Amino acid sequence: IKDNHIAAAGGVSEAVTTVRGALGEGTAIEVEVDTLQQLEQALPAGVDTVLLDNMEPDDVRRCVDMAAGRVVIEASGGIGLENVRAYAEAGADIISVGAITNAAVAVDFSLEVEA
């Protein structure tokens, strides 16, 4: 559940309730948050994973402490090879690093099919 979904639903809890109703209890739900306040709303809503968007390592540590193992914590946004260790040390369970795709060089090729 991304930030636009949260805004459209009227909040984190509302978005989770809508998705859970549509997909059922067996579906894992990940919600994106960018503040501690949003995390406070996500935890009791019953999500499985929380994606911390563009947070500094100190804020990730606060979120990890607040979650206290109740959800999987993913850190994403602004993370590169030069600072990934700080996010690992902050306790994130999953760390998304865009360096692999951001550094890839585009290859120009084509495919022609003859009938």
PDB file of N, CA and C in Angstrom:
ATOM      1  N   ILE A   1       0.866  -1.163   0.000  1.00  0.00           N
ATOM      2  CA  ILE A   1       0.000   0.000   0.000  1.00  0.00           C
ATOM      3  C   ILE A   1       0.911   1.224   0.000  1.00  0.00           C
ATOM      4  N   LYS A   2       0.799   2.039  -1.032  1.00  0.00           N
ATOM      5  CA  LYS A   2       1.666   3.204  -1.193  1.00  0.00           C
ATOM      6  C   LYS A   2       1.003   4.460  -0.631  1.00  0.00           C
ATOM      7  N   ASP A   3       1.769   5.542  -0.586  1.00  0.00           N
ATOM      8  CA  ASP A   3       1.286   6.796   0.000  1.00  0.00           C
ATOM      9  C   ASP A   3       0.023   7.321  -0.675  1.00  0.00           C
ATOM     10  N   ASN A   4      -0.083   7.152  -1.993  1.00  0.00           N
ATOM     11  CA  ASN A   4      -1.294   7.612  -2.689  1.00  0.00           C
ATOM     12  C   ASN A   4      -2.527   6.814  -2.279  1.00  0.00           C
ATOM     13  N   HIS A   5      -2.350   5.522  -2.041  1.00  0.00           N
ATOM     14  CA  HIS A   5      -3.467   4.692  -1.583  1.00  0.00           C
ATOM     15  C   HIS A   5      -3.919   5.133  -0.188  1.00  0.00           C
ATOM     16  N   ILE A   6      -2.945   5.436   0.664  1.00  0.00           N
ATOM     17  CA  ILE A   6      -3.250   5.887   2.028  1.00  0.00           C
ATOM     18  C   ILE A   6      -4.029   7.191   1.978  1.00  0.00           C
ATOM     19  N   ALA A   7      -3.572   8.118   1.137  1.00  0.00           N
ATOM     20  CA  ALA A   7      -4.263   9.406   1.010  1.00  0.00           C
ATOM     21  C   ALA A   7      -5.682   9.214   0.482  1.00  0.00           C
ATOM     22  N   ALA A   8      -5.847   8.359  -0.518  1.00  0.00           N
ATOM     23  CA  ALA A   8      -7.171   8.138  -1.109  1.00  0.00           C
ATOM     24  C   ALA A   8      -8.130   7.469  -0.130  1.00  0.00           C
ATOM     25  N   ALA A   9      -7.599   6.595   0.720  1.00  0.00           N
ATOM     26  CA  ALA A   9      -8.449   5.867   1.673  1.00  0.00           C
ATOM     27  C   ALA A   9      -8.763   6.681   2.919  1.00  0.00           C
ATOM     28  N   GLY A  10      -7.977   7.730   3.165  1.00  0.00           N
ATOM     29  CA  GLY A  10      -8.206   8.554   4.348  1.00  0.00           C
ATOM     30  C   GLY A  10      -7.331   8.209   5.532  1.00  0.00           C
ATOM     31  N   GLY A  11      -6.335   7.364   5.325  1.00  0.00           N
ATOM     32  CA  GLY A  11      -5.411   7.021   6.399  1.00  0.00           C
ATOM     33  C   GLY A  11      -4.901   5.603   6.252  1.00  0.00           C
ATOM     34  N   VAL A  12      -3.888   5.280   7.058  1.00  0.00           N
ATOM     35  CA  VAL A  12      -3.261   3.961   7.001  1.00  0.00           C
ATOM     36  C   VAL A  12      -4.260   2.866   7.355  1.00  0.00           C
ATOM     37  N   SER A  13      -4.944   3.017   8.477  1.00  0.00           N
ATOM     38  CA  SER A  13      -5.892   1.986   8.931  1.00  0.00           C
ATOM     39  C   SER A  13      -6.981   1.736   7.898  1.00  0.00           C
ATOM     40  N   GLU A  14      -7.505   2.810   7.336  1.00  0.00           N
ATOM     41  CA  GLU A  14      -8.567   2.691   6.336  1.00  0.00           C
ATOM     42  C   GLU A  14      -8.070   1.966   5.081  1.00  0.00           C
ATOM     43  N   ALA A  15      -6.861   2.290   4.658  1.00  0.00           N
ATOM     44  CA  ALA A  15      -6.299   1.640   3.471  1.00  0.00           C
ATOM     45  C   ALA A  15      -6.099   0.148   3.713  1.00  0.00           C
ATOM     46  N   VAL A  16      -5.581  -0.203   4.876  1.00  0.00           N
ATOM     47  CA  VAL A  16      -5.363  -1.616   5.202  1.00  0.00           C
ATOM     48  C   VAL A  16      -6.694  -2.355   5.268  1.00  0.00           C
ATOM     49  N   THR A  17      -7.688  -1.753   5.900  1.00  0.00           N
ATOM     50  CA  THR A  17      -9.009  -2.377   5.996  1.00  0.00           C
ATOM     51  C   THR A  17      -9.600  -2.624   4.610  1.00  0.00           C
ATOM     52  N   THR A  18      -9.458  -1.655   3.716  1.00  0.00           N
ATOM     53  CA  THR A  18      -9.974  -1.793   2.354  1.00  0.00           C
ATOM     54  C   THR A  18      -9.280  -2.929   1.609  1.00  0.00           C
ATOM     55  N   VAL A  19      -7.957  -2.960   1.689  1.00  0.00           N
ATOM     56  CA  VAL A  19      -7.199  -4.005   0.996  1.00  0.00           C
ATOM     57  C   VAL A  19      -7.506  -5.373   1.597  1.00  0.00           C
ATOM     58  N   ARG A  20      -7.535  -5.450   2.909  1.00  0.00           N
ATOM     59  CA  ARG A  20      -7.823  -6.725   3.579  1.00  0.00           C
ATOM     60  C   ARG A  20      -9.216  -7.228   3.186  1.00  0.00           C
ATOM     61  N   GLY A  21     -10.178  -6.335   3.105  1.00  0.00           N
ATOM     62  CA  GLY A  21     -11.523  -6.718   2.702  1.00  0.00           C
ATOM     63  C   GLY A  21     -11.586  -7.230   1.274  1.00  0.00           C
ATOM     64  N   ALA A  22     -10.786  -6.627   0.406  1.00  0.00           N
ATOM     65  CA  ALA A  22     -10.796  -7.014  -1.002  1.00  0.00           C
ATOM     66  C   ALA A  22     -10.022  -8.305  -1.265  1.00  0.00           C
ATOM     67  N   LEU A  23      -8.940  -8.514  -0.524  1.00  0.00           N
ATOM     68  CA  LEU A  23      -8.055  -9.642  -0.823  1.00  0.00           C
ATOM     69  C   LEU A  23      -8.149 -10.793   0.164  1.00  0.00           C
ATOM     70  N   GLY A  24      -8.741 -10.566   1.321  1.00  0.00           N
ATOM     71  CA  GLY A  24      -8.899 -11.641   2.294  1.00  0.00           C
ATOM     72  C   GLY A  24      -7.795 -11.684   3.328  1.00  0.00           C
ATOM     73  N   GLU A  25      -8.052 -12.464   4.362  1.00  0.00           N
ATOM     74  CA  GLU A  25      -7.135 -12.545   5.505  1.00  0.00           C
ATOM     75  C   GLU A  25      -5.806 -13.205   5.182  1.00  0.00           C
ATOM     76  N   GLY A  26      -5.759 -14.066   4.176  1.00  0.00           N
ATOM     77  CA  GLY A  26      -4.531 -14.792   3.883  1.00  0.00           C
ATOM     78  C   GLY A  26      -3.499 -14.012   3.095  1.00  0.00           C
ATOM     79  N   THR A  27      -3.816 -12.807   2.691  1.00  0.00           N
ATOM     80  CA  THR A  27      -2.925 -12.014   1.854  1.00  0.00           C
ATOM     81  C   THR A  27      -1.993 -11.168   2.709  1.00  0.00           C
ATOM     82  N   ALA A  28      -0.693 -11.285   2.441  1.00  0.00           N
ATOM     83  CA  ALA A  28       0.286 -10.455   3.143  1.00  0.00           C
ATOM     84  C   ALA A  28       0.159  -9.017   2.642  1.00  0.00           C
ATOM     85  N   ILE A  29       0.227  -8.082   3.575  1.00  0.00           N
ATOM     86  CA  ILE A  29       0.091  -6.666   3.224  1.00  0.00           C
ATOM     87  C   ILE A  29       1.333  -5.909   3.674  1.00  0.00           C
ATOM     88  N   GLU A  30       1.888  -5.124   2.742  1.00  0.00           N
ATOM     89  CA  GLU A  30       3.005  -4.229   3.035  1.00  0.00           C
ATOM     90  C   GLU A  30       2.505  -2.807   2.866  1.00  0.00           C
ATOM     91  N   VAL A  31       2.829  -1.957   3.822  1.00  0.00           N
ATOM     92  CA  VAL A  31       2.403  -0.566   3.762  1.00  0.00           C
ATOM     93  C   VAL A  31       3.635   0.337   3.826  1.00  0.00           C
ATOM     94  N   GLU A  32       3.613   1.387   3.028  1.00  0.00           N
ATOM     95  CA  GLU A  32       4.691   2.368   2.996  1.00  0.00           C
ATOM     96  C   GLU A  32       4.383   3.479   3.989  1.00  0.00           C
ATOM     97  N   VAL A  33       5.358   3.802   4.831  1.00  0.00           N
ATOM     98  CA  VAL A  33       5.207   4.929   5.753  1.00  0.00           C
ATOM     99  C   VAL A  33       6.442   5.812   5.650  1.00  0.00           C
ATOM    100  N   ASP A  34       6.253   7.092   5.941  1.00  0.00           N
ATOM    101  CA  ASP A  34       7.408   7.985   5.954  1.00  0.00           C
ATOM    102  C   ASP A  34       7.508   8.797   7.234  1.00  0.00           C
ATOM    103  N   THR A  35       6.685   8.441   8.222  1.00  0.00           N
ATOM    104  CA  THR A  35       6.771   9.095   9.536  1.00  0.00           C
ATOM    105  C   THR A  35       6.539   8.061  10.635  1.00  0.00           C
ATOM    106  N   LEU A  36       7.004   8.388  11.821  1.00  0.00           N
ATOM    107  CA  LEU A  36       6.747   7.530  12.983  1.00  0.00           C
ATOM    108  C   LEU A  36       5.256   7.462  13.280  1.00  0.00           C
ATOM    109  N   GLN A  37       4.545   8.549  13.036  1.00  0.00           N
ATOM    110  CA  GLN A  37       3.107   8.580  13.287  1.00  0.00           C
ATOM    111  C   GLN A  37       2.375   7.587  12.381  1.00  0.00           C
ATOM    112  N   GLN A  38       2.793   7.496  11.133  1.00  0.00           N
ATOM    113  CA  GLN A  38       2.173   6.524  10.231  1.00  0.00           C
ATOM    114  C   GLN A  38       2.483   5.094  10.672  1.00  0.00           C
ATOM    115  N   LEU A  39       3.685   4.876  11.178  1.00  0.00           N
ATOM    116  CA  LEU A  39       4.019   3.548  11.695  1.00  0.00           C
ATOM    117  C   LEU A  39       3.122   3.201  12.874  1.00  0.00           C
ATOM    118  N   GLU A  40       2.877   4.167  13.747  1.00  0.00           N
ATOM    119  CA  GLU A  40       1.980   3.940  14.890  1.00  0.00           C
ATOM    120  C   GLU A  40       0.588   3.521  14.422  1.00  0.00           C
ATOM    121  N   GLN A  41       0.152   4.018  13.275  1.00  0.00           N
ATOM    122  CA  GLN A  41      -1.151   3.639  12.720  1.00  0.00           C
ATOM    123  C   GLN A  41      -1.089   2.268  12.041  1.00  0.00           C
ATOM    124  N   ALA A  42       0.041   1.953  11.427  1.00  0.00           N
ATOM    125  CA  ALA A  42       0.169   0.701  10.676  1.00  0.00           C
ATOM    126  C   ALA A  42       0.253  -0.518  11.589  1.00  0.00           C
ATOM    127  N   LEU A  43       0.910  -0.391  12.721  1.00  0.00           N
ATOM    128  CA  LEU A  43       1.128  -1.554  13.583  1.00  0.00           C
ATOM    129  C   LEU A  43      -0.165  -2.209  14.054  1.00  0.00           C
ATOM    130  N   PRO A  44      -1.116  -1.470  14.608  1.00  0.00           N
ATOM    131  CA  PRO A  44      -2.349  -2.135  15.045  1.00  0.00           C
ATOM    132  C   PRO A  44      -3.287  -2.517  13.892  1.00  0.00           C
ATOM    133  N   ALA A  45      -2.992  -2.042  12.683  1.00  0.00           N
ATOM    134  CA  ALA A  45      -3.850  -2.338  11.530  1.00  0.00           C
ATOM    135  C   ALA A  45      -3.655  -3.762  11.017  1.00  0.00           C
ATOM    136  N   GLY A  46      -2.599  -4.420  11.474  1.00  0.00           N
ATOM    137  CA  GLY A  46      -2.393  -5.810  11.096  1.00  0.00           C
ATOM    138  C   GLY A  46      -1.628  -6.026   9.805  1.00  0.00           C
ATOM    139  N   VAL A  47      -0.717  -5.130   9.479  1.00  0.00           N
ATOM    140  CA  VAL A  47       0.104  -5.320   8.282  1.00  0.00           C
ATOM    141  C   VAL A  47       1.215  -6.322   8.585  1.00  0.00           C
ATOM    142  N   ASP A  48       1.786  -6.872   7.531  1.00  0.00           N
ATOM    143  CA  ASP A  48       2.858  -7.852   7.685  1.00  0.00           C
ATOM    144  C   ASP A  48       4.238  -7.217   7.560  1.00  0.00           C
ATOM    145  N   THR A  49       4.341  -6.250   6.650  1.00  0.00           N
ATOM    146  CA  THR A  49       5.609  -5.585   6.381  1.00  0.00           C
ATOM    147  C   THR A  49       5.372  -4.087   6.303  1.00  0.00           C
ATOM    148  N   VAL A  50       6.331  -3.332   6.835  1.00  0.00           N
ATOM    149  CA  VAL A  50       6.281  -1.875   6.746  1.00  0.00           C
ATOM    150  C   VAL A  50       7.519  -1.416   5.989  1.00  0.00           C
ATOM    151  N   LEU A  51       7.291  -0.662   4.907  1.00  0.00           N
ATOM    152  CA  LEU A  51       8.376  -0.078   4.142  1.00  0.00           C
ATOM    153  C   LEU A  51       8.590   1.339   4.656  1.00  0.00           C
ATOM    154  N   LEU A  52       9.775   1.596   5.190  1.00  0.00           N
ATOM    155  CA  LEU A  52      10.128   2.924   5.693  1.00  0.00           C
ATOM    156  C   LEU A  52      10.738   3.692   4.532  1.00  0.00           C
ATOM    157  N   ASP A  53      10.044   4.713   4.070  1.00  0.00           N
ATOM    158  CA  ASP A  53      10.435   5.426   2.863  1.00  0.00           C
ATOM    159  C   ASP A  53      11.251   6.667   3.180  1.00  0.00           C
ATOM    160  N   ASN A  54      12.468   6.716   2.658  1.00  0.00           N
ATOM    161  CA  ASN A  54      13.345   7.889   2.776  1.00  0.00           C
ATOM    162  C   ASN A  54      13.585   8.324   4.213  1.00  0.00           C
ATOM    163  N   MET A  55      13.818   7.374   5.096  1.00  0.00           N
ATOM    164  CA  MET A  55      14.134   7.696   6.490  1.00  0.00           C
ATOM    165  C   MET A  55      15.635   7.563   6.717  1.00  0.00           C
ATOM    166  N   GLU A  56      16.147   8.380   7.609  1.00  0.00           N
ATOM    167  CA  GLU A  56      17.546   8.299   8.011  1.00  0.00           C
ATOM    168  C   GLU A  56      17.728   7.080   8.920  1.00  0.00           C
ATOM    169  N   PRO A  57      18.961   6.556   9.021  1.00  0.00           N
ATOM    170  CA  PRO A  57      19.192   5.388   9.872  1.00  0.00           C
ATOM    171  C   PRO A  57      18.707   5.551  11.316  1.00  0.00           C
ATOM    172  N   ASP A  58      18.844   6.733  11.898  1.00  0.00           N
ATOM    173  CA  ASP A  58      18.365   6.945  13.273  1.00  0.00           C
ATOM    174  C   ASP A  58      16.854   6.766  13.367  1.00  0.00           C
ATOM    175  N   ASP A  59      16.122   7.243  12.360  1.00  0.00           N
ATOM    176  CA  ASP A  59      14.669   7.067  12.348  1.00  0.00           C
ATOM    177  C   ASP A  59      14.294   5.607  12.114  1.00  0.00           C
ATOM    178  N   VAL A  60      15.072   4.915  11.288  1.00  0.00           N
ATOM    179  CA  VAL A  60      14.834   3.484  11.080  1.00  0.00           C
ATOM    180  C   VAL A  60      14.990   2.749  12.405  1.00  0.00           C
ATOM    181  N   ARG A  61      16.021   3.083  13.169  1.00  0.00           N
ATOM    182  CA  ARG A  61      16.238   2.449  14.480  1.00  0.00           C
ATOM    183  C   ARG A  61      15.032   2.700  15.390  1.00  0.00           C
ATOM    184  N   ARG A  62      14.514   3.921  15.404  1.00  0.00           N
ATOM    185  CA  ARG A  62      13.332   4.224  16.228  1.00  0.00           C
ATOM    186  C   ARG A  62      12.139   3.370  15.795  1.00  0.00           C
ATOM    187  N   CYS A  63      11.966   3.232  14.497  1.00  0.00           N
ATOM    188  CA  CYS A  63      10.854   2.425  13.980  1.00  0.00           C
ATOM    189  C   CYS A  63      11.030   0.948  14.324  1.00  0.00           C
ATOM    190  N   VAL A  64      12.240   0.440  14.193  1.00  0.00           N
ATOM    191  CA  VAL A  64      12.523  -0.952  14.550  1.00  0.00           C
ATOM    192  C   VAL A  64      12.197  -1.176  16.019  1.00  0.00           C
ATOM    193  N   ASP A  65      12.612  -0.245  16.866  1.00  0.00           N
ATOM    194  CA  ASP A  65      12.318  -0.359  18.298  1.00  0.00           C
ATOM    195  C   ASP A  65      10.816  -0.313  18.555  1.00  0.00           C
ATOM    196  N   MET A  66      10.118   0.580  17.866  1.00  0.00           N
ATOM    197  CA  MET A  66       8.674   0.717  18.050  1.00  0.00           C
ATOM    198  C   MET A  66       7.940  -0.546  17.586  1.00  0.00           C
ATOM    199  N   ALA A  67       8.382  -1.111  16.473  1.00  0.00           N
ATOM    200  CA  ALA A  67       7.732  -2.306  15.928  1.00  0.00           C
ATOM    201  C   ALA A  67       7.980  -3.526  16.805  1.00  0.00           C
ATOM    202  N   ALA A  68       9.105  -3.573  17.452  1.00  0.00           N
ATOM    203  CA  ALA A  68       9.437  -4.634  18.417  1.00  0.00           C
ATOM    204  C   ALA A  68       9.163  -6.035  17.868  1.00  0.00           C
ATOM    205  N   GLY A  69       9.528  -6.260  16.605  1.00  0.00           N
ATOM    206  CA  GLY A  69       9.398  -7.584  16.024  1.00  0.00           C
ATOM    207  C   GLY A  69       8.011  -7.975  15.549  1.00  0.00           C
ATOM    208  N   ARG A  70       7.048  -7.077  15.632  1.00  0.00           N
ATOM    209  CA  ARG A  70       5.673  -7.410  15.221  1.00  0.00           C
ATOM    210  C   ARG A  70       5.489  -7.453  13.713  1.00  0.00           C
ATOM    211  N   VAL A  71       6.347  -6.736  12.987  1.00  0.00           N
ATOM    212  CA  VAL A  71       6.271  -6.697  11.525  1.00  0.00           C
ATOM    213  C   VAL A  71       7.679  -6.771  10.950  1.00  0.00           C
ATOM    214  N   VAL A  72       7.763  -7.109   9.689  1.00  0.00           N
ATOM    215  CA  VAL A  72       9.023  -7.042   8.963  1.00  0.00           C
ATOM    216  C   VAL A  72       9.243  -5.584   8.582  1.00  0.00           C
ATOM    217  N   ILE A  73      10.458  -5.099   8.782  1.00  0.00           N
ATOM    218  CA  ILE A  73      10.791  -3.707   8.468  1.00  0.00           C
ATOM    219  C   ILE A  73      11.696  -3.662   7.242  1.00  0.00           C
ATOM    220  N   GLU A  74      11.245  -2.922   6.220  1.00  0.00           N
ATOM    221  CA  GLU A  74      12.037  -2.699   5.017  1.00  0.00           C
ATOM    222  C   GLU A  74      12.412  -1.226   4.940  1.00  0.00           C
ATOM    223  N   ALA A  75      13.698  -0.956   4.730  1.00  0.00           N
ATOM    224  CA  ALA A  75      14.165   0.416   4.535  1.00  0.00           C
ATOM    225  C   ALA A  75      14.400   0.632   3.043  1.00  0.00           C
ATOM    226  N   SER A  76      13.931   1.772   2.527  1.00  0.00           N
ATOM    227  CA  SER A  76      14.048   2.053   1.102  1.00  0.00           C
ATOM    228  C   SER A  76      14.137   3.557   0.881  1.00  0.00           C
ATOM    229  N   GLY A  77      14.783   3.940  -0.192  1.00  0.00           N
ATOM    230  CA  GLY A  77      14.859   5.354  -0.552  1.00  0.00           C
ATOM    231  C   GLY A  77      16.087   6.028   0.017  1.00  0.00           C
ATOM    232  N   GLY A  78      16.922   6.537  -0.843  1.00  0.00           N
ATOM    233  CA  GLY A  78      18.125   7.236  -0.408  1.00  0.00           C
ATOM    234  C   GLY A  78      19.214   6.311   0.100  1.00  0.00           C
ATOM    235  N   ILE A  79      19.104   5.027  -0.194  1.00  0.00           N
ATOM    236  CA  ILE A  79      20.084   4.058   0.290  1.00  0.00           C
ATOM    237  C   ILE A  79      20.950   3.617  -0.878  1.00  0.00           C
ATOM    238  N   GLY A  80      22.249   3.732  -0.678  1.00  0.00           N
ATOM    239  CA  GLY A  80      23.207   3.317  -1.695  1.00  0.00           C
ATOM    240  C   GLY A  80      24.273   2.441  -1.073  1.00  0.00           C
ATOM    241  N   LEU A  81      25.205   2.031  -1.881  1.00  0.00           N
ATOM    242  CA  LEU A  81      26.269   1.172  -1.380  1.00  0.00           C
ATOM    243  C   LEU A  81      27.109   1.862  -0.316  1.00  0.00           C
ATOM    244  N   GLU A  82      27.155   3.183  -0.366  1.00  0.00           N
ATOM    245  CA  GLU A  82      27.977   3.930   0.591  1.00  0.00           C
ATOM    246  C   GLU A  82      27.349   4.023   1.978  1.00  0.00           C
ATOM    247  N   ASN A  83      26.047   3.811   2.116  1.00  0.00           N
ATOM    248  CA  ASN A  83      25.419   3.940   3.440  1.00  0.00           C
ATOM    249  C   ASN A  83      24.569   2.739   3.845  1.00  0.00           C
ATOM    250  N   VAL A  84      24.613   1.661   3.067  1.00  0.00           N
ATOM    251  CA  VAL A  84      23.773   0.499   3.365  1.00  0.00           C
ATOM    252  C   VAL A  84      24.095  -0.114   4.727  1.00  0.00           C
ATOM    253  N   ARG A  85      25.360  -0.071   5.135  1.00  0.00           N
ATOM    254  CA  ARG A  85      25.748  -0.639   6.430  1.00  0.00           C
ATOM    255  C   ARG A  85      25.018   0.056   7.582  1.00  0.00           C
ATOM    256  N   ALA A  86      24.858   1.367   7.506  1.00  0.00           N
ATOM    257  CA  ALA A  86      24.168   2.107   8.575  1.00  0.00           C
ATOM    258  C   ALA A  86      22.725   1.636   8.718  1.00  0.00           C
ATOM    259  N   TYR A  87      22.080   1.306   7.603  1.00  0.00           N
ATOM    260  CA  TYR A  87      20.697   0.817   7.654  1.00  0.00           C
ATOM    261  C   TYR A  87      20.639  -0.606   8.208  1.00  0.00           C
ATOM    262  N   ALA A  88      21.636  -1.412   7.870  1.00  0.00           N
ATOM    263  CA  ALA A  88      21.705  -2.760   8.436  1.00  0.00           C
ATOM    264  C   ALA A  88      21.913  -2.681   9.944  1.00  0.00           C
ATOM    265  N   GLU A  89      22.796  -1.799  10.367  1.00  0.00           N
ATOM    266  CA  GLU A  89      23.054  -1.638  11.799  1.00  0.00           C
ATOM    267  C   GLU A  89      21.858  -1.045  12.534  1.00  0.00           C
ATOM    268  N   ALA A  90      20.998  -0.324  11.817  1.00  0.00           N
ATOM    269  CA  ALA A  90      19.789   0.242  12.426  1.00  0.00           C
ATOM    270  C   ALA A  90      18.737  -0.830  12.674  1.00  0.00           C
ATOM    271  N   GLY A  91      18.909  -2.000  12.062  1.00  0.00           N
ATOM    272  CA  GLY A  91      18.023  -3.115  12.355  1.00  0.00           C
ATOM    273  C   GLY A  91      16.981  -3.446  11.313  1.00  0.00           C
ATOM    274  N   ALA A  92      17.054  -2.829  10.136  1.00  0.00           N
ATOM    275  CA  ALA A  92      16.080  -3.147   9.086  1.00  0.00           C
ATOM    276  C   ALA A  92      16.213  -4.614   8.683  1.00  0.00           C
ATOM    277  N   ASP A  93      15.078  -5.275   8.495  1.00  0.00           N
ATOM    278  CA  ASP A  93      15.078  -6.673   8.059  1.00  0.00           C
ATOM    279  C   ASP A  93      15.393  -6.792   6.575  1.00  0.00           C
ATOM    280  N   ILE A  94      14.905  -5.833   5.799  1.00  0.00           N
ATOM    281  CA  ILE A  94      15.105  -5.796   4.352  1.00  0.00           C
ATOM    282  C   ILE A  94      15.598  -4.402   3.997  1.00  0.00           C
ATOM    283  N   ILE A  95      16.586  -4.332   3.107  1.00  0.00           N
ATOM    284  CA  ILE A  95      17.108  -3.041   2.658  1.00  0.00           C
ATOM    285  C   ILE A  95      17.071  -3.019   1.140  1.00  0.00           C
ATOM    286  N   SER A  96      16.386  -2.035   0.581  1.00  0.00           N
ATOM    287  CA  SER A  96      16.304  -1.881  -0.871  1.00  0.00           C
ATOM    288  C   SER A  96      17.333  -0.857  -1.318  1.00  0.00           C
ATOM    289  N   VAL A  97      18.227  -1.294  -2.200  1.00  0.00           N
ATOM    290  CA  VAL A  97      19.280  -0.427  -2.726  1.00  0.00           C
ATOM    291  C   VAL A  97      19.100  -0.341  -4.234  1.00  0.00           C
ATOM    292  N   GLY A  98      18.973   0.864  -4.740  1.00  0.00           N
ATOM    293  CA  GLY A  98      18.738   1.046  -6.164  1.00  0.00           C
ATOM    294  C   GLY A  98      19.986   1.017  -7.017  1.00  0.00           C
ATOM    295  N   ALA A  99      21.154   0.830  -6.418  1.00  0.00           N
ATOM    296  CA  ALA A  99      22.404   0.911  -7.169  1.00  0.00           C
ATOM    297  C   ALA A  99      22.471  -0.090  -8.313  1.00  0.00           C
ATOM    298  N   ILE A 100      21.885  -1.247  -8.121  1.00  0.00           N
ATOM    299  CA  ILE A 100      21.958  -2.274  -9.162  1.00  0.00           C
ATOM    300  C   ILE A 100      21.245  -1.807 -10.429  1.00  0.00           C
ATOM    301  N   THR A 101      20.059  -1.247 -10.273  1.00  0.00           N
ATOM    302  CA  THR A 101      19.306  -0.808 -11.450  1.00  0.00           C
ATOM    303  C   THR A 101      19.681   0.602 -11.879  1.00  0.00           C
ATOM    304  N   ASN A 102      20.021   1.458 -10.933  1.00  0.00           N
ATOM    305  CA  ASN A 102      20.361   2.840 -11.281  1.00  0.00           C
ATOM    306  C   ASN A 102      21.670   2.933 -12.048  1.00  0.00           C
ATOM    307  N   ALA A 103      22.591   2.006 -11.811  1.00  0.00           N
ATOM    308  CA  ALA A 103      23.897   2.053 -12.452  1.00  0.00           C
ATOM    309  C   ALA A 103      23.947   1.253 -13.750  1.00  0.00           C
ATOM    310  N   ALA A 104      22.888   0.553 -14.058  1.00  0.00           N
ATOM    311  CA  ALA A 104      22.882  -0.278 -15.264  1.00  0.00           C
ATOM    312  C   ALA A 104      22.918   0.594 -16.516  1.00  0.00           C
ATOM    313  N   VAL A 105      23.704   0.172 -17.461  1.00  0.00           N
ATOM    314  CA  VAL A 105      23.812   0.880 -18.734  1.00  0.00           C
ATOM    315  C   VAL A 105      22.767   0.301 -19.687  1.00  0.00           C
ATOM    316  N   ALA A 106      22.034   1.175 -20.326  1.00  0.00           N
ATOM    317  CA  ALA A 106      21.011   0.728 -21.271  1.00  0.00           C
ATOM    318  C   ALA A 106      21.665   0.150 -22.518  1.00  0.00           C
ATOM    319  N   VAL A 107      21.085  -0.901 -23.032  1.00  0.00           N
ATOM    320  CA  VAL A 107      21.565  -1.519 -24.259  1.00  0.00           C
ATOM    321  C   VAL A 107      20.535  -1.234 -25.348  1.00  0.00           C
ATOM    322  N   ASP A 108      21.019  -0.732 -26.466  1.00  0.00           N
ATOM    323  CA  ASP A 108      20.131  -0.404 -27.580  1.00  0.00           C
ATOM    324  C   ASP A 108      20.097  -1.591 -28.541  1.00  0.00           C
ATOM    325  N   PHE A 109      18.955  -2.256 -28.603  1.00  0.00           N
ATOM    326  CA  PHE A 109      18.822  -3.362 -29.540  1.00  0.00           C
ATOM    327  C   PHE A 109      17.388  -3.421 -30.047  1.00  0.00           C
ATOM    328  N   SER A 110      17.203  -4.154 -31.121  1.00  0.00           N
ATOM    329  CA  SER A 110      15.854  -4.297 -31.673  1.00  0.00           C
ATOM    330  C   SER A 110      15.665  -5.725 -32.163  1.00  0.00           C
ATOM    331  N   LEU A 111      14.412  -6.069 -32.393  1.00  0.00           N
ATOM    332  CA  LEU A 111      14.058  -7.385 -32.907  1.00  0.00           C
ATOM    333  C   LEU A 111      13.078  -7.177 -34.047  1.00  0.00           C
ATOM    334  N   GLU A 112      13.400  -7.722 -35.179  1.00  0.00           N
ATOM    335  CA  GLU A 112      12.510  -7.614 -36.326  1.00  0.00           C
ATOM    336  C   GLU A 112      11.965  -8.992 -36.644  1.00  0.00           C
ATOM    337  N   VAL A 113      10.657  -9.077 -36.787  1.00  0.00           N
ATOM    338  CA  VAL A 113       9.998 -10.339 -37.103  1.00  0.00           C
ATOM    339  C   VAL A 113       9.435 -10.245 -38.509  1.00  0.00           C
ATOM    340  N   GLU A 114       9.741 -11.229 -39.320  1.00  0.00           N
ATOM    341  CA  GLU A 114       9.209 -11.275 -40.679  1.00  0.00           C
ATOM    342  C   GLU A 114       8.105 -12.314 -40.732  1.00  0.00           C
ATOM    343  N   ALA A 115       7.013 -11.954 -41.388  1.00  0.00           N
ATOM    344  CA  ALA A 115       5.880 -12.887 -41.482  1.00  0.00           C
ATOM    345  C   ALA A 115       6.034 -13.834 -42.629  1.00  0.00           C
TER     346      ALA A 115
END
